[in-house]
Amino acid sequence: ASTEEEALRGFEKFKEKWELKYPKVVKSWEQELYKLLTFLKYPESVRRVIYTTNLIERTIKEIRKRVKVIGALPSVRAVEKFVYLRVAVLNDRWTNRVVNGFLEAKEELQDMFSRRYS
């Protein structure tokens, strides 16, 4: 959806289709819909940067790839430590990475927040 109105119409269609089968999920989304649609308040160039899941998907892929090599981990604590250390490595690797589209959005973000907090 490119506008809040369009998103609300889409949610109503979603609700009609799934409310009977998943009432708790639909109710939960409906109660928090204003949070789910927050990204629509940002300019288009900013939206593309903040709603992407590419980094999350890449992180999961990296963790799976490393676990496959190891085979099995002996305990839940070992899994937690492994995931923590892998994410720390990825954070270091991605710290200076420029996200596609962010440079275009950076100026708009600075303007938005300077207006909001001045």
N, C-alpha and C. Protein backbone atom coordinates (compact mmCIF):
# COMPACT_ATOMS: atom_id res chain seq x y z
N ALA A 1 0.84 -1.19 0.00
CA ALA A 1 0.00 0.00 0.00
C ALA A 1 0.88 1.24 0.00
N SER A 2 0.47 2.23 -0.74
CA SER A 2 1.26 3.47 -0.78
C SER A 2 0.64 4.57 0.08
N THR A 3 -0.59 4.36 0.54
CA THR A 3 -1.22 5.34 1.43
C THR A 3 -1.86 4.60 2.61
N GLU A 4 -2.13 5.34 3.67
CA GLU A 4 -2.76 4.74 4.84
C GLU A 4 -4.17 4.24 4.51
N GLU A 5 -4.90 5.00 3.72
CA GLU A 5 -6.25 4.60 3.33
C GLU A 5 -6.23 3.27 2.57
N GLU A 6 -5.29 3.15 1.65
CA GLU A 6 -5.15 1.92 0.87
C GLU A 6 -4.79 0.75 1.79
N ALA A 7 -3.92 0.99 2.75
CA ALA A 7 -3.53 -0.05 3.70
C ALA A 7 -4.71 -0.47 4.57
N LEU A 8 -5.52 0.48 4.98
CA LEU A 8 -6.69 0.16 5.81
C LEU A 8 -7.71 -0.67 5.02
N ARG A 9 -7.90 -0.33 3.75
CA ARG A 9 -8.79 -1.12 2.90
C ARG A 9 -8.25 -2.54 2.74
N GLY A 10 -6.95 -2.64 2.55
CA GLY A 10 -6.31 -3.95 2.44
C GLY A 10 -6.46 -4.76 3.71
N PHE A 11 -6.34 -4.09 4.85
CA PHE A 11 -6.51 -4.80 6.12
C PHE A 11 -7.94 -5.30 6.27
N GLU A 12 -8.90 -4.52 5.84
CA GLU A 12 -10.30 -4.95 5.93
C GLU A 12 -10.53 -6.21 5.09
N LYS A 13 -9.94 -6.26 3.90
CA LYS A 13 -10.04 -7.47 3.07
C LYS A 13 -9.38 -8.66 3.76
N PHE A 14 -8.20 -8.41 4.33
CA PHE A 14 -7.49 -9.45 5.08
C PHE A 14 -8.35 -9.94 6.24
N LYS A 15 -8.95 -9.02 6.95
CA LYS A 15 -9.78 -9.34 8.11
C LYS A 15 -10.97 -10.21 7.70
N GLU A 16 -11.65 -9.82 6.62
CA GLU A 16 -12.80 -10.59 6.14
C GLU A 16 -12.40 -12.03 5.81
N LYS A 17 -11.24 -12.18 5.21
CA LYS A 17 -10.80 -13.51 4.77
C LYS A 17 -10.35 -14.39 5.93
N TRP A 18 -9.63 -13.83 6.91
CA TRP A 18 -8.96 -14.65 7.91
C TRP A 18 -9.51 -14.56 9.33
N GLU A 19 -10.43 -13.65 9.59
CA GLU A 19 -10.89 -13.44 10.97
C GLU A 19 -11.50 -14.71 11.60
N LEU A 20 -12.26 -15.46 10.84
CA LEU A 20 -12.87 -16.66 11.40
C LEU A 20 -11.84 -17.75 11.71
N LYS A 21 -10.83 -17.87 10.86
CA LYS A 21 -9.83 -18.92 11.05
C LYS A 21 -8.77 -18.53 12.10
N TYR A 22 -8.38 -17.24 12.14
CA TYR A 22 -7.34 -16.78 13.06
C TYR A 22 -7.80 -15.54 13.82
N PRO A 23 -8.82 -15.66 14.66
CA PRO A 23 -9.39 -14.48 15.32
C PRO A 23 -8.40 -13.74 16.23
N LYS A 24 -7.55 -14.47 16.93
CA LYS A 24 -6.59 -13.82 17.84
C LYS A 24 -5.55 -13.00 17.06
N VAL A 25 -5.09 -13.55 15.96
CA VAL A 25 -4.10 -12.84 15.13
C VAL A 25 -4.71 -11.57 14.57
N VAL A 26 -5.89 -11.70 13.99
CA VAL A 26 -6.54 -10.55 13.38
C VAL A 26 -6.82 -9.48 14.43
N LYS A 27 -7.30 -9.89 15.60
CA LYS A 27 -7.59 -8.92 16.67
C LYS A 27 -6.30 -8.22 17.12
N SER A 28 -5.24 -9.00 17.26
CA SER A 28 -3.95 -8.42 17.66
C SER A 28 -3.47 -7.38 16.65
N TRP A 29 -3.54 -7.72 15.36
CA TRP A 29 -3.12 -6.78 14.32
C TRP A 29 -4.00 -5.55 14.31
N GLU A 30 -5.29 -5.77 14.50
CA GLU A 30 -6.23 -4.65 14.48
C GLU A 30 -5.94 -3.67 15.63
N GLN A 31 -5.62 -4.20 16.80
CA GLN A 31 -5.32 -3.35 17.95
C GLN A 31 -4.03 -2.56 17.76
N GLU A 32 -3.10 -3.11 17.02
CA GLU A 32 -1.80 -2.46 16.83
C GLU A 32 -1.61 -1.93 15.41
N LEU A 33 -2.68 -1.79 14.67
CA LEU A 33 -2.58 -1.38 13.28
C LEU A 33 -1.88 -0.04 13.11
N TYR A 34 -2.13 0.89 14.03
CA TYR A 34 -1.47 2.20 13.92
C TYR A 34 0.05 2.06 13.99
N LYS A 35 0.54 1.09 14.75
CA LYS A 35 1.99 0.86 14.82
C LYS A 35 2.50 0.20 13.54
N LEU A 36 1.73 -0.75 13.04
CA LEU A 36 2.13 -1.45 11.83
C LEU A 36 2.20 -0.53 10.62
N LEU A 37 1.39 0.53 10.63
CA LEU A 37 1.34 1.44 9.48
C LEU A 37 2.15 2.72 9.68
N THR A 38 2.94 2.78 10.75
CA THR A 38 3.74 3.97 11.03
C THR A 38 4.64 4.35 9.86
N PHE A 39 5.19 3.34 9.20
CA PHE A 39 6.13 3.64 8.11
C PHE A 39 5.49 4.46 6.99
N LEU A 40 4.16 4.43 6.88
CA LEU A 40 3.49 5.19 5.82
C LEU A 40 3.54 6.70 6.06
N LYS A 41 3.91 7.11 7.25
CA LYS A 41 4.00 8.54 7.55
C LYS A 41 5.31 9.14 7.02
N TYR A 42 6.21 8.28 6.60
CA TYR A 42 7.50 8.73 6.08
C TYR A 42 7.44 8.90 4.57
N PRO A 43 8.31 9.75 4.02
CA PRO A 43 8.38 9.90 2.56
C PRO A 43 8.76 8.57 1.90
N GLU A 44 8.38 8.41 0.66
CA GLU A 44 8.62 7.16 -0.08
C GLU A 44 10.08 6.71 -0.04
N SER A 45 11.00 7.64 -0.19
CA SER A 45 12.42 7.26 -0.20
C SER A 45 12.86 6.67 1.14
N VAL A 46 12.23 7.10 2.22
CA VAL A 46 12.56 6.60 3.55
C VAL A 46 11.88 5.24 3.77
N ARG A 47 10.68 5.09 3.30
CA ARG A 47 9.94 3.83 3.50
C ARG A 47 10.71 2.63 3.00
N ARG A 48 11.27 2.75 1.81
CA ARG A 48 11.99 1.61 1.24
C ARG A 48 13.13 1.17 2.15
N VAL A 49 13.72 2.10 2.86
CA VAL A 49 14.84 1.77 3.73
C VAL A 49 14.37 1.12 5.02
N ILE A 50 13.26 1.60 5.59
CA ILE A 50 12.87 1.12 6.92
C ILE A 50 11.98 -0.11 6.93
N TYR A 51 11.33 -0.46 5.83
CA TYR A 51 10.47 -1.63 5.92
C TYR A 51 11.07 -2.88 5.27
N THR A 52 12.25 -2.81 4.78
CA THR A 52 12.87 -3.98 4.18
C THR A 52 13.29 -4.98 5.25
N THR A 53 13.24 -6.25 4.90
CA THR A 53 13.67 -7.30 5.81
C THR A 53 14.94 -7.97 5.31
N ASN A 54 15.59 -7.38 4.32
CA ASN A 54 16.75 -8.01 3.71
C ASN A 54 17.86 -8.33 4.72
N LEU A 55 18.16 -7.42 5.63
CA LEU A 55 19.22 -7.69 6.60
C LEU A 55 18.83 -8.81 7.56
N ILE A 56 17.58 -8.85 7.95
CA ILE A 56 17.11 -9.93 8.83
C ILE A 56 17.23 -11.27 8.10
N GLU A 57 16.75 -11.31 6.86
CA GLU A 57 16.83 -12.54 6.08
C GLU A 57 18.27 -12.97 5.86
N ARG A 58 19.15 -12.02 5.60
CA ARG A 58 20.56 -12.33 5.38
C ARG A 58 21.19 -12.88 6.66
N THR A 59 20.83 -12.31 7.81
CA THR A 59 21.35 -12.78 9.09
C THR A 59 20.93 -14.23 9.33
N ILE A 60 19.67 -14.52 9.11
CA ILE A 60 19.18 -15.89 9.31
C ILE A 60 19.89 -16.86 8.36
N LYS A 61 20.09 -16.43 7.11
CA LYS A 61 20.78 -17.29 6.14
C LYS A 61 22.21 -17.57 6.59
N GLU A 62 22.90 -16.55 7.10
CA GLU A 62 24.28 -16.72 7.58
C GLU A 62 24.34 -17.68 8.76
N ILE A 63 23.40 -17.55 9.68
CA ILE A 63 23.38 -18.43 10.86
C ILE A 63 23.13 -19.87 10.42
N ARG A 64 22.16 -20.08 9.54
CA ARG A 64 21.87 -21.44 9.05
C ARG A 64 23.08 -22.04 8.35
N LYS A 65 23.74 -21.22 7.54
CA LYS A 65 24.91 -21.69 6.80
C LYS A 65 26.00 -22.18 7.75
N ARG A 66 26.23 -21.44 8.83
CA ARG A 66 27.27 -21.82 9.80
C ARG A 66 26.86 -23.03 10.63
N VAL A 67 25.60 -23.13 10.99
CA VAL A 67 25.12 -24.27 11.78
C VAL A 67 25.24 -25.55 10.96
N LYS A 68 24.97 -25.45 9.67
CA LYS A 68 25.05 -26.62 8.79
C LYS A 68 26.46 -27.23 8.83
N VAL A 69 27.48 -26.39 8.86
CA VAL A 69 28.87 -26.85 8.91
C VAL A 69 29.16 -27.53 10.25
N ILE A 70 28.63 -26.94 11.33
CA ILE A 70 28.87 -27.48 12.67
C ILE A 70 28.12 -28.79 12.87
N GLY A 71 26.92 -28.87 12.37
CA GLY A 71 26.11 -30.07 12.53
C GLY A 71 25.11 -29.93 13.64
N ALA A 72 25.56 -30.06 14.87
CA ALA A 72 24.65 -29.98 16.02
C ALA A 72 25.33 -29.21 17.14
N LEU A 73 24.52 -28.54 17.93
CA LEU A 73 25.04 -27.82 19.10
C LEU A 73 24.53 -28.55 20.34
N PRO A 74 25.39 -28.69 21.36
CA PRO A 74 25.07 -29.56 22.50
C PRO A 74 23.98 -29.07 23.45
N SER A 75 23.72 -27.75 23.47
CA SER A 75 22.74 -27.25 24.44
C SER A 75 22.13 -25.94 23.94
N VAL A 76 21.07 -25.54 24.62
CA VAL A 76 20.44 -24.26 24.30
C VAL A 76 21.42 -23.13 24.54
N ARG A 77 22.18 -23.21 25.60
CA ARG A 77 23.19 -22.18 25.90
C ARG A 77 24.21 -22.07 24.76
N ALA A 78 24.61 -23.21 24.22
CA ALA A 78 25.56 -23.19 23.10
C ALA A 78 24.94 -22.52 21.88
N VAL A 79 23.67 -22.78 21.64
CA VAL A 79 22.98 -22.15 20.51
C VAL A 79 22.93 -20.64 20.72
N GLU A 80 22.55 -20.21 21.93
CA GLU A 80 22.48 -18.78 22.23
C GLU A 80 23.83 -18.12 22.04
N LYS A 81 24.88 -18.75 22.53
CA LYS A 81 26.23 -18.19 22.39
C LYS A 81 26.64 -18.13 20.92
N PHE A 82 26.35 -19.19 20.19
CA PHE A 82 26.68 -19.24 18.77
C PHE A 82 25.98 -18.11 18.00
N VAL A 83 24.68 -17.96 18.22
CA VAL A 83 23.92 -16.92 17.52
C VAL A 83 24.44 -15.55 17.91
N TYR A 84 24.68 -15.33 19.19
CA TYR A 84 25.20 -14.04 19.65
C TYR A 84 26.52 -13.71 18.96
N LEU A 85 27.44 -14.65 18.94
CA LEU A 85 28.75 -14.41 18.34
C LEU A 85 28.65 -14.20 16.83
N ARG A 86 27.76 -14.94 16.18
CA ARG A 86 27.60 -14.78 14.73
C ARG A 86 27.03 -13.40 14.40
N VAL A 87 26.03 -12.96 15.17
CA VAL A 87 25.44 -11.64 14.95
C VAL A 87 26.47 -10.54 15.23
N ALA A 88 27.31 -10.74 16.24
CA ALA A 88 28.36 -9.75 16.53
C ALA A 88 29.31 -9.62 15.34
N VAL A 89 29.68 -10.73 14.74
CA VAL A 89 30.56 -10.70 13.56
C VAL A 89 29.87 -9.99 12.40
N LEU A 90 28.61 -10.32 12.18
CA LEU A 90 27.87 -9.67 11.09
C LEU A 90 27.71 -8.18 11.35
N ASN A 91 27.45 -7.78 12.59
CA ASN A 91 27.35 -6.36 12.92
C ASN A 91 28.64 -5.64 12.58
N ASP A 92 29.76 -6.22 12.96
CA ASP A 92 31.05 -5.60 12.64
C ASP A 92 31.24 -5.48 11.13
N ARG A 93 30.87 -6.52 10.42
CA ARG A 93 31.04 -6.53 8.97
C ARG A 93 30.14 -5.49 8.30
N TRP A 94 28.92 -5.30 8.83
CA TRP A 94 27.93 -4.44 8.19
C TRP A 94 27.89 -3.03 8.75
N THR A 95 28.72 -2.72 9.74
CA THR A 95 28.67 -1.41 10.38
C THR A 95 28.84 -0.27 9.39
N ASN A 96 29.77 -0.38 8.49
CA ASN A 96 30.05 0.71 7.55
C ASN A 96 29.37 0.52 6.20
N ARG A 97 28.50 -0.46 6.13
CA ARG A 97 27.79 -0.74 4.88
C ARG A 97 26.74 0.34 4.63
N VAL A 98 26.65 0.77 3.40
CA VAL A 98 25.65 1.76 3.02
C VAL A 98 24.43 1.01 2.49
N VAL A 99 23.29 1.22 3.10
CA VAL A 99 22.06 0.57 2.68
C VAL A 99 21.55 1.26 1.42
N ASN A 100 21.20 0.46 0.41
CA ASN A 100 20.69 1.03 -0.84
C ASN A 100 19.51 1.96 -0.57
N GLY A 101 19.59 3.15 -1.11
CA GLY A 101 18.50 4.10 -0.96
C GLY A 101 18.63 5.01 0.25
N PHE A 102 19.53 4.66 1.18
CA PHE A 102 19.60 5.45 2.40
C PHE A 102 20.18 6.84 2.16
N LEU A 103 21.15 6.95 1.29
CA LEU A 103 21.73 8.27 1.05
C LEU A 103 20.69 9.25 0.52
N GLU A 104 19.78 8.74 -0.33
CA GLU A 104 18.70 9.59 -0.84
C GLU A 104 17.75 9.97 0.29
N ALA A 105 17.52 9.04 1.19
CA ALA A 105 16.57 9.26 2.29
C ALA A 105 17.18 10.06 3.44
N LYS A 106 18.49 10.06 3.55
CA LYS A 106 19.16 10.69 4.69
C LYS A 106 18.78 12.15 4.85
N GLU A 107 18.82 12.90 3.75
CA GLU A 107 18.50 14.33 3.81
C GLU A 107 17.04 14.54 4.24
N GLU A 108 16.14 13.73 3.70
CA GLU A 108 14.73 13.85 4.09
C GLU A 108 14.53 13.52 5.56
N LEU A 109 15.23 12.51 6.04
CA LEU A 109 15.14 12.16 7.46
C LEU A 109 15.65 13.31 8.34
N GLN A 110 16.78 13.88 7.97
CA GLN A 110 17.32 15.00 8.75
C GLN A 110 16.34 16.16 8.78
N ASP A 111 15.74 16.49 7.64
CA ASP A 111 14.74 17.56 7.60
C ASP A 111 13.53 17.24 8.47
N MET A 112 13.03 16.00 8.37
CA MET A 112 11.88 15.60 9.17
C MET A 112 12.14 15.75 10.66
N PHE A 113 13.27 15.24 11.10
CA PHE A 113 13.56 15.27 12.54
C PHE A 113 13.95 16.67 13.02
N SER A 114 14.56 17.46 12.17
CA SER A 114 14.86 18.83 12.60
C SER A 114 13.57 19.64 12.77
N ARG A 115 12.58 19.41 11.87
CA ARG A 115 11.28 20.08 12.03
C ARG A 115 10.56 19.58 13.28
N ARG A 116 10.64 18.28 13.51
CA ARG A 116 9.94 17.69 14.65
C ARG A 116 10.51 18.15 15.99
N TYR A 117 11.82 18.31 16.07
CA TYR A 117 12.46 18.58 17.36
C TYR A 117 13.01 20.00 17.50
N SER A 118 12.61 20.91 16.61
CA SER A 118 13.09 22.29 16.77
C SER A 118 11.99 23.20 17.23
